[in-house]
Amino acid sequence: MDKQRRRFLKSSLVTSLLGLAAGAGLFIPRWVWAAWPSTAFQSKTLFGALEPLFGSGSVNLTPADEDITLTVTDLAENGAVVPVTVSSRLPDVESITLLVDKNPNSLVAQFKLAKNTQAYIKTNIKMAETSKVYAVVKSGDKLYSTNKKVKVTLGGCGN
């Protein structure tokens, strides 16, 4: 009976201290969770976004149209919601990065995948105007890419 009471009191004390620390702002989500690549997201160019993510000087994209499948519509009626699917047959895929050439900020998203995970993502992206969508897959120490041009009719210039 005393052991259960002690365990309950210890758990209550720890929970209260964590609650006080969170309430005092000691746990800021940016510090608790993952590092935010703000430099990459603020970049205006394709390679300017890739260098902070993968290291400067090592951004050489190898075309891999056969090993990466980028599924995106040819004509997007609404640039605010463009569905994109990327899958890859490359071994040991570490990340899949989506970029849009003519967006105000080129980097759209980066998905880091755990080991032995199927290289498959499906998401919606936002496009400012007609441009190319790039899928960059990191496998081993190399970067592979494929792209497809998407024409945006609403929400963009419609070029």
Foldseek 3Di string as FASTA:
>chain_A
DVVVVVVVVVVVVVVVVVVVCVVVVVCDPCVVDDPDLVQLQQDQADVSNVCSVQNPPQDDAAEDPPFKDWDWDQEAAALAWTKIKIFGPAAAWQKKWKFWGRDRRGTFDMGGDDHPDGRMDIDTTGDQAWTKIKIWIDHDSHIYIDIDTHGYDPNYPRD
